[in-house]
Amino acid sequence: MTAHTPETSSKTYDVTKTDAEWRAQLDPQEYHVLRQAGTERPFTGEYEDTTTEGVYACRACGAELFTSSEKFSSHCGWPSFFDPKDSDAVELLEDTTLGMRRVEVRCATCGSHLGHVFEGEGYPTPTDQRYCINSISLSLRPSQA
C-alpha cells in the first residue's frame, strides 16, 4: 500500500472532524486510504467489477460522488468513472509524489482521498478521463427497482 502526506487544500470543508474522530469512525484500512491518501491493492476492491445501478457515495461523509451510469470497465484494478455525479462533488489537487505528476481526487465535502484522475488514455468515454477510485473510499447505494 502506498501512502503520502496529503497536500494541504485551502478549501474549508463542510464536514470536518479531528484526527481522533476520523480514527474512531473509520477502520484502519479506510483511515489509511481516506485520510492518509493510501491506495488499496489493485483487483481487491469490492466495487471494481460491480455493475449494480446506483450512486457511489463517500465512505467517510456520505456525499454523493459518482453514479453507475458514469462507471466503466477499464481493467485497471480499481473502479473507474469517466465523470463525477456533479462537478462540485470532487476536488482535484496536484500530486507530485512517487516522482510523477498526477491529479488527486478528493471528496469536496470532507477532503477525503478517493484516488486519481487520468486523461488521454484512449478509453471510449465521453470525457476521455478515468477517475481511478479506491473501492474502500466509496459506499454504493443501489437504485430502488
N, C-alpha and C. Protein backbone atom coordinates (compact mmCIF):
# COMPACT_ATOMS: atom_id res chain seq x y z
N MET A 1 0.83 -1.18 0.00
CA MET A 1 0.00 0.00 0.00
C MET A 1 0.88 1.25 0.00
N THR A 2 0.52 2.15 -0.86
CA THR A 2 1.28 3.40 -0.93
C THR A 2 0.54 4.48 -0.15
N ALA A 3 1.30 5.37 0.45
CA ALA A 3 0.68 6.49 1.15
C ALA A 3 1.57 7.69 1.00
N HIS A 4 0.98 8.83 1.04
CA HIS A 4 1.74 10.07 1.06
C HIS A 4 1.00 11.05 1.95
N THR A 5 1.69 12.03 2.39
CA THR A 5 1.05 13.06 3.19
C THR A 5 0.21 13.91 2.24
N PRO A 6 -1.09 13.97 2.46
CA PRO A 6 -1.94 14.75 1.56
C PRO A 6 -1.52 16.21 1.53
N GLU A 7 -1.60 16.78 0.33
CA GLU A 7 -1.32 18.20 0.18
C GLU A 7 -2.39 18.97 0.95
N THR A 8 -2.03 20.12 1.43
CA THR A 8 -2.98 20.96 2.13
C THR A 8 -3.84 21.69 1.12
N SER A 9 -5.12 21.63 1.33
CA SER A 9 -6.05 22.35 0.48
C SER A 9 -6.44 23.64 1.19
N SER A 10 -6.66 24.67 0.42
CA SER A 10 -7.10 25.94 1.01
C SER A 10 -8.61 25.92 1.26
N LYS A 11 -9.27 24.87 0.83
CA LYS A 11 -10.72 24.76 0.96
C LYS A 11 -11.12 24.47 2.41
N THR A 12 -12.21 25.08 2.83
CA THR A 12 -12.83 24.74 4.10
C THR A 12 -13.95 23.76 3.78
N TYR A 13 -13.86 22.57 4.37
CA TYR A 13 -14.83 21.52 4.07
C TYR A 13 -16.07 21.63 4.94
N ASP A 14 -17.22 21.24 4.37
CA ASP A 14 -18.48 21.26 5.11
C ASP A 14 -18.46 20.26 6.27
N VAL A 15 -17.78 19.12 6.08
CA VAL A 15 -17.64 18.12 7.13
C VAL A 15 -16.19 18.13 7.59
N THR A 16 -15.97 18.50 8.84
CA THR A 16 -14.63 18.49 9.40
C THR A 16 -14.66 17.74 10.73
N LYS A 17 -13.63 16.96 10.96
CA LYS A 17 -13.51 16.18 12.19
C LYS A 17 -12.05 16.19 12.61
N THR A 18 -11.83 15.94 13.87
CA THR A 18 -10.46 15.81 14.34
C THR A 18 -9.91 14.47 13.87
N ASP A 19 -8.60 14.33 13.93
CA ASP A 19 -7.97 13.07 13.56
C ASP A 19 -8.52 11.93 14.43
N ALA A 20 -8.70 12.19 15.70
CA ALA A 20 -9.24 11.17 16.61
C ALA A 20 -10.66 10.76 16.21
N GLU A 21 -11.46 11.72 15.79
CA GLU A 21 -12.83 11.40 15.36
C GLU A 21 -12.82 10.55 14.09
N TRP A 22 -11.94 10.89 13.13
CA TRP A 22 -11.84 10.07 11.91
C TRP A 22 -11.39 8.67 12.25
N ARG A 23 -10.40 8.54 13.13
CA ARG A 23 -9.90 7.21 13.52
C ARG A 23 -10.97 6.38 14.21
N ALA A 24 -11.82 7.03 14.98
CA ALA A 24 -12.90 6.32 15.67
C ALA A 24 -13.99 5.87 14.69
N GLN A 25 -14.21 6.65 13.63
CA GLN A 25 -15.28 6.34 12.66
C GLN A 25 -14.85 5.30 11.63
N LEU A 26 -13.61 5.35 11.20
CA LEU A 26 -13.14 4.51 10.10
C LEU A 26 -12.29 3.35 10.61
N ASP A 27 -12.36 2.21 9.92
CA ASP A 27 -11.46 1.13 10.31
C ASP A 27 -10.05 1.49 9.83
N PRO A 28 -9.01 0.78 10.27
CA PRO A 28 -7.64 1.17 9.94
C PRO A 28 -7.35 1.30 8.44
N GLN A 29 -7.87 0.39 7.62
CA GLN A 29 -7.60 0.49 6.19
C GLN A 29 -8.36 1.67 5.57
N GLU A 30 -9.61 1.88 5.98
CA GLU A 30 -10.37 3.03 5.50
C GLU A 30 -9.65 4.32 5.87
N TYR A 31 -9.17 4.40 7.10
CA TYR A 31 -8.45 5.59 7.56
C TYR A 31 -7.19 5.80 6.71
N HIS A 32 -6.45 4.73 6.47
CA HIS A 32 -5.21 4.82 5.69
C HIS A 32 -5.48 5.39 4.30
N VAL A 33 -6.51 4.92 3.63
CA VAL A 33 -6.80 5.39 2.27
C VAL A 33 -7.46 6.77 2.30
N LEU A 34 -8.52 6.91 3.05
CA LEU A 34 -9.30 8.15 3.02
C LEU A 34 -8.60 9.34 3.65
N ARG A 35 -7.90 9.14 4.75
CA ARG A 35 -7.32 10.27 5.48
C ARG A 35 -5.81 10.41 5.30
N GLN A 36 -5.12 9.33 4.86
CA GLN A 36 -3.67 9.40 4.65
C GLN A 36 -3.29 9.24 3.19
N ALA A 37 -4.28 9.27 2.30
CA ALA A 37 -4.07 9.17 0.85
C ALA A 37 -3.36 7.89 0.44
N GLY A 38 -3.73 6.79 1.10
CA GLY A 38 -3.19 5.49 0.73
C GLY A 38 -3.90 4.94 -0.49
N THR A 39 -3.51 3.75 -0.89
CA THR A 39 -4.13 3.08 -2.05
C THR A 39 -4.36 1.62 -1.69
N GLU A 40 -5.57 1.14 -1.99
CA GLU A 40 -5.81 -0.29 -1.78
C GLU A 40 -5.15 -1.08 -2.91
N ARG A 41 -4.84 -2.33 -2.65
CA ARG A 41 -4.20 -3.16 -3.67
C ARG A 41 -5.13 -3.32 -4.88
N PRO A 42 -4.57 -3.33 -6.09
CA PRO A 42 -5.42 -3.48 -7.28
C PRO A 42 -6.13 -4.84 -7.28
N PHE A 43 -7.28 -4.86 -7.90
CA PHE A 43 -8.10 -6.06 -8.08
C PHE A 43 -8.59 -6.66 -6.77
N THR A 44 -8.63 -5.87 -5.68
CA THR A 44 -9.11 -6.38 -4.40
C THR A 44 -10.36 -5.67 -3.91
N GLY A 45 -10.70 -4.53 -4.49
CA GLY A 45 -11.83 -3.73 -4.00
C GLY A 45 -13.17 -4.31 -4.38
N GLU A 46 -14.16 -4.08 -3.52
CA GLU A 46 -15.49 -4.66 -3.72
C GLU A 46 -16.25 -4.09 -4.92
N TYR A 47 -15.89 -2.90 -5.41
CA TYR A 47 -16.65 -2.28 -6.49
C TYR A 47 -15.95 -2.31 -7.85
N GLU A 48 -14.81 -2.94 -7.95
CA GLU A 48 -14.07 -2.94 -9.21
C GLU A 48 -14.92 -3.47 -10.37
N ASP A 49 -15.58 -4.59 -10.19
CA ASP A 49 -16.36 -5.22 -11.26
C ASP A 49 -17.87 -5.08 -11.07
N THR A 50 -18.30 -4.34 -10.08
CA THR A 50 -19.73 -4.21 -9.79
C THR A 50 -20.46 -3.51 -10.93
N THR A 51 -21.61 -4.07 -11.31
CA THR A 51 -22.45 -3.45 -12.33
C THR A 51 -23.79 -3.01 -11.75
N THR A 52 -23.94 -3.07 -10.44
CA THR A 52 -25.17 -2.65 -9.77
C THR A 52 -25.45 -1.18 -10.05
N GLU A 53 -26.69 -0.87 -10.40
CA GLU A 53 -27.06 0.52 -10.65
C GLU A 53 -27.26 1.24 -9.32
N GLY A 54 -26.74 2.46 -9.26
CA GLY A 54 -26.91 3.23 -8.04
C GLY A 54 -25.94 4.40 -7.98
N VAL A 55 -25.81 4.94 -6.78
CA VAL A 55 -24.96 6.10 -6.52
C VAL A 55 -23.82 5.67 -5.61
N TYR A 56 -22.62 6.12 -5.95
CA TYR A 56 -21.44 5.86 -5.13
C TYR A 56 -21.18 7.10 -4.28
N ALA A 57 -21.20 6.90 -2.96
CA ALA A 57 -21.03 8.00 -2.01
C ALA A 57 -19.69 7.87 -1.30
N CYS A 58 -19.23 8.96 -0.73
CA CYS A 58 -18.01 8.97 0.06
C CYS A 58 -18.23 8.13 1.31
N ARG A 59 -17.35 7.18 1.55
CA ARG A 59 -17.49 6.31 2.73
C ARG A 59 -17.30 7.11 4.03
N ALA A 60 -16.56 8.20 3.98
CA ALA A 60 -16.30 8.97 5.19
C ALA A 60 -17.46 9.88 5.58
N CYS A 61 -18.09 10.56 4.60
CA CYS A 61 -19.11 11.55 4.95
C CYS A 61 -20.47 11.31 4.29
N GLY A 62 -20.55 10.42 3.32
CA GLY A 62 -21.83 10.12 2.68
C GLY A 62 -22.20 11.00 1.50
N ALA A 63 -21.34 11.94 1.12
CA ALA A 63 -21.64 12.80 -0.03
C ALA A 63 -21.69 11.98 -1.31
N GLU A 64 -22.65 12.27 -2.18
CA GLU A 64 -22.78 11.55 -3.44
C GLU A 64 -21.70 12.01 -4.41
N LEU A 65 -20.95 11.06 -4.96
CA LEU A 65 -19.78 11.38 -5.79
C LEU A 65 -19.91 10.96 -7.25
N PHE A 66 -20.31 9.72 -7.48
CA PHE A 66 -20.38 9.15 -8.83
C PHE A 66 -21.65 8.32 -8.94
N THR A 67 -22.09 8.05 -10.18
CA THR A 67 -23.21 7.15 -10.39
C THR A 67 -22.77 5.98 -11.26
N SER A 68 -23.55 4.93 -11.25
CA SER A 68 -23.23 3.75 -12.05
C SER A 68 -23.26 4.08 -13.54
N SER A 69 -23.98 5.12 -13.96
CA SER A 69 -24.03 5.46 -15.38
C SER A 69 -22.71 6.07 -15.87
N GLU A 70 -21.86 6.55 -14.96
CA GLU A 70 -20.54 7.07 -15.33
C GLU A 70 -19.43 6.05 -15.11
N LYS A 71 -19.77 4.87 -14.61
CA LYS A 71 -18.78 3.83 -14.31
C LYS A 71 -18.51 3.04 -15.59
N PHE A 72 -17.25 2.68 -15.80
CA PHE A 72 -16.91 1.85 -16.95
C PHE A 72 -15.81 0.87 -16.57
N SER A 73 -15.69 -0.15 -17.39
CA SER A 73 -14.71 -1.20 -17.14
C SER A 73 -13.38 -0.83 -17.79
N SER A 74 -12.40 -0.47 -16.97
CA SER A 74 -11.09 -0.08 -17.51
C SER A 74 -10.06 -1.19 -17.34
N HIS A 75 -10.40 -2.19 -16.54
CA HIS A 75 -9.49 -3.33 -16.27
C HIS A 75 -8.18 -2.87 -15.65
N CYS A 76 -8.23 -1.81 -14.85
CA CYS A 76 -7.01 -1.27 -14.22
C CYS A 76 -6.83 -1.75 -12.79
N GLY A 77 -7.85 -2.40 -12.21
CA GLY A 77 -7.73 -2.90 -10.85
C GLY A 77 -8.52 -2.12 -9.82
N TRP A 78 -9.10 -1.00 -10.23
CA TRP A 78 -9.91 -0.17 -9.34
C TRP A 78 -11.15 0.27 -10.11
N PRO A 79 -12.23 0.64 -9.42
CA PRO A 79 -13.40 1.17 -10.11
C PRO A 79 -13.02 2.43 -10.90
N SER A 80 -13.57 2.54 -12.09
CA SER A 80 -13.28 3.69 -12.95
C SER A 80 -14.57 4.39 -13.36
N PHE A 81 -14.50 5.70 -13.37
CA PHE A 81 -15.63 6.54 -13.76
C PHE A 81 -15.11 7.57 -14.74
N PHE A 82 -15.96 7.99 -15.70
CA PHE A 82 -15.49 8.99 -16.67
C PHE A 82 -15.88 10.41 -16.25
N ASP A 83 -16.68 10.56 -15.19
CA ASP A 83 -17.09 11.89 -14.74
C ASP A 83 -17.73 11.75 -13.36
N PRO A 84 -17.58 12.75 -12.50
CA PRO A 84 -18.31 12.71 -11.22
C PRO A 84 -19.79 12.99 -11.42
N LYS A 85 -20.58 12.66 -10.42
CA LYS A 85 -22.03 12.89 -10.47
C LYS A 85 -22.33 14.37 -10.68
N ASP A 86 -21.55 15.22 -10.03
CA ASP A 86 -21.73 16.66 -10.08
C ASP A 86 -20.33 17.26 -10.10
N SER A 87 -20.11 18.29 -10.87
CA SER A 87 -18.77 18.87 -10.98
C SER A 87 -18.25 19.39 -9.65
N ASP A 88 -19.14 19.71 -8.72
CA ASP A 88 -18.72 20.20 -7.40
C ASP A 88 -18.55 19.07 -6.39
N ALA A 89 -18.77 17.83 -6.77
CA ALA A 89 -18.70 16.70 -5.83
C ALA A 89 -17.28 16.35 -5.43
N VAL A 90 -16.32 16.62 -6.34
CA VAL A 90 -14.93 16.27 -6.06
C VAL A 90 -14.03 17.49 -6.18
N GLU A 91 -12.89 17.39 -5.53
CA GLU A 91 -11.85 18.41 -5.58
C GLU A 91 -10.63 17.76 -6.21
N LEU A 92 -9.97 18.48 -7.11
CA LEU A 92 -8.79 17.96 -7.80
C LEU A 92 -7.56 18.73 -7.34
N LEU A 93 -6.52 18.00 -6.94
CA LEU A 93 -5.29 18.61 -6.45
C LEU A 93 -4.08 17.98 -7.12
N GLU A 94 -3.06 18.76 -7.40
CA GLU A 94 -1.83 18.23 -7.97
C GLU A 94 -1.14 17.34 -6.95
N ASP A 95 -0.67 16.18 -7.40
CA ASP A 95 0.03 15.21 -6.56
C ASP A 95 1.36 14.88 -7.25
N THR A 96 2.46 15.25 -6.64
CA THR A 96 3.78 15.01 -7.24
C THR A 96 4.56 13.94 -6.50
N THR A 97 3.88 13.12 -5.70
CA THR A 97 4.56 12.03 -5.01
C THR A 97 4.94 10.95 -6.01
N LEU A 98 5.80 10.06 -5.61
CA LEU A 98 6.25 8.93 -6.44
C LEU A 98 6.98 9.39 -7.70
N GLY A 99 7.49 10.63 -7.69
CA GLY A 99 8.29 11.12 -8.81
C GLY A 99 7.54 11.37 -10.10
N MET A 100 6.25 11.55 -10.02
CA MET A 100 5.45 11.83 -11.23
C MET A 100 4.38 12.85 -10.89
N ARG A 101 3.80 13.42 -11.92
CA ARG A 101 2.70 14.37 -11.72
C ARG A 101 1.38 13.64 -11.96
N ARG A 102 0.56 13.64 -10.94
CA ARG A 102 -0.78 13.06 -11.05
C ARG A 102 -1.77 14.07 -10.50
N VAL A 103 -3.05 13.80 -10.71
CA VAL A 103 -4.10 14.66 -10.17
C VAL A 103 -4.89 13.83 -9.17
N GLU A 104 -4.79 14.24 -7.91
CA GLU A 104 -5.51 13.55 -6.84
C GLU A 104 -6.97 13.97 -6.84
N VAL A 105 -7.85 13.01 -6.54
CA VAL A 105 -9.29 13.27 -6.43
C VAL A 105 -9.67 13.14 -4.96
N ARG A 106 -10.31 14.18 -4.44
CA ARG A 106 -10.79 14.17 -3.07
C ARG A 106 -12.28 14.47 -3.03
N CYS A 107 -12.91 14.03 -1.97
CA CYS A 107 -14.30 14.39 -1.73
C CYS A 107 -14.34 15.88 -1.41
N ALA A 108 -15.16 16.63 -2.11
CA ALA A 108 -15.25 18.07 -1.90
C ALA A 108 -15.98 18.42 -0.61
N THR A 109 -16.67 17.46 0.00
CA THR A 109 -17.41 17.73 1.23
C THR A 109 -16.56 17.55 2.48
N CYS A 110 -15.66 16.53 2.48
CA CYS A 110 -14.87 16.27 3.69
C CYS A 110 -13.36 16.23 3.45
N GLY A 111 -12.92 16.29 2.19
CA GLY A 111 -11.50 16.29 1.89
C GLY A 111 -10.85 14.92 1.89
N SER A 112 -11.63 13.86 1.96
CA SER A 112 -11.06 12.51 1.98
C SER A 112 -10.50 12.14 0.61
N HIS A 113 -9.38 11.42 0.62
CA HIS A 113 -8.73 10.94 -0.60
C HIS A 113 -9.59 9.84 -1.22
N LEU A 114 -9.82 9.96 -2.53
CA LEU A 114 -10.60 8.97 -3.26
C LEU A 114 -9.74 8.18 -4.23
N GLY A 115 -8.82 8.84 -4.91
CA GLY A 115 -7.98 8.20 -5.93
C GLY A 115 -7.33 9.27 -6.78
N HIS A 116 -7.21 8.97 -8.08
CA HIS A 116 -6.59 9.91 -9.03
C HIS A 116 -7.40 9.93 -10.32
N VAL A 117 -7.25 11.00 -11.09
CA VAL A 117 -7.90 11.09 -12.39
C VAL A 117 -6.82 11.20 -13.46
N PHE A 118 -7.02 10.47 -14.56
CA PHE A 118 -6.07 10.45 -15.67
C PHE A 118 -6.79 10.83 -16.95
N GLU A 119 -6.06 11.46 -17.87
CA GLU A 119 -6.65 11.90 -19.14
C GLU A 119 -5.85 11.33 -20.31
N GLY A 120 -6.52 11.25 -21.45
CA GLY A 120 -5.84 10.91 -22.70
C GLY A 120 -5.37 9.47 -22.81
N GLU A 121 -6.03 8.55 -22.14
CA GLU A 121 -5.62 7.15 -22.19
C GLU A 121 -6.30 6.36 -23.31
N GLY A 122 -7.24 7.01 -24.00
CA GLY A 122 -7.87 6.37 -25.15
C GLY A 122 -9.09 5.52 -24.85
N TYR A 123 -9.62 5.59 -23.63
CA TYR A 123 -10.86 4.84 -23.35
C TYR A 123 -12.01 5.49 -24.11
N PRO A 124 -12.93 4.68 -24.62
CA PRO A 124 -14.06 5.23 -25.40
C PRO A 124 -15.15 5.80 -24.49
N THR A 125 -14.82 6.88 -23.80
CA THR A 125 -15.76 7.53 -22.89
C THR A 125 -15.99 8.96 -23.37
N PRO A 126 -17.08 9.58 -22.96
CA PRO A 126 -17.38 10.95 -23.42
C PRO A 126 -16.36 12.00 -22.99
N THR A 127 -15.63 11.76 -21.90
CA THR A 127 -14.73 12.79 -21.37
C THR A 127 -13.25 12.50 -21.61
N ASP A 128 -12.89 11.30 -22.04
CA ASP A 128 -11.50 10.87 -22.17
C ASP A 128 -10.77 10.97 -20.83
N GLN A 129 -11.51 10.81 -19.76
CA GLN A 129 -10.93 10.80 -18.42
C GLN A 129 -11.23 9.48 -17.74
N ARG A 130 -10.33 9.10 -16.81
CA ARG A 130 -10.55 7.91 -15.98
C ARG A 130 -10.32 8.31 -14.53
N TYR A 131 -11.42 8.43 -13.80
CA TYR A 131 -11.34 8.64 -12.36
C TYR A 131 -11.11 7.26 -11.75
N CYS A 132 -9.90 7.00 -11.33
CA CYS A 132 -9.48 5.72 -10.78
C CYS A 132 -9.64 5.83 -9.26
N ILE A 133 -10.68 5.21 -8.73
CA ILE A 133 -11.11 5.45 -7.36
C ILE A 133 -11.00 4.17 -6.52
N ASN A 134 -10.49 4.30 -5.31
CA ASN A 134 -10.40 3.17 -4.40
C ASN A 134 -11.80 2.74 -3.97
N SER A 135 -12.11 1.45 -4.07
CA SER A 135 -13.41 0.95 -3.61
C SER A 135 -13.65 1.30 -2.15
N ILE A 136 -12.61 1.21 -1.34
CA ILE A 136 -12.74 1.45 0.09
C ILE A 136 -13.12 2.89 0.41
N SER A 137 -12.96 3.78 -0.56
CA SER A 137 -13.35 5.18 -0.38
C SER A 137 -14.83 5.40 -0.65
N LEU A 138 -15.51 4.37 -1.14
CA LEU A 138 -16.89 4.51 -1.60
C LEU A 138 -17.86 3.61 -0.84
N SER A 139 -19.12 3.99 -0.86
CA SER A 139 -20.23 3.16 -0.43
C SER A 139 -21.28 3.22 -1.54
N LEU A 140 -21.71 2.07 -2.02
CA LEU A 140 -22.69 2.01 -3.10
C LEU A 140 -24.10 2.01 -2.51
N ARG A 141 -24.93 2.93 -3.00
CA ARG A 141 -26.34 2.97 -2.63
C ARG A 141 -27.12 2.50 -3.86
N PRO A 142 -27.54 1.24 -3.88
CA PRO A 142 -28.25 0.71 -5.06
C PRO A 142 -29.54 1.47 -5.35
N SER A 143 -29.84 1.58 -6.64
CA SER A 143 -31.10 2.22 -7.06
C SER A 143 -32.26 1.35 -6.63
N GLN A 144 -33.37 1.98 -6.32
CA GLN A 144 -34.59 1.24 -5.96
C GLN A 144 -35.26 0.78 -7.24
N ALA A 145 -35.52 -0.51 -7.34
CA ALA A 145 -36.13 -1.08 -8.56
C ALA A 145 -37.61 -0.82 -8.61
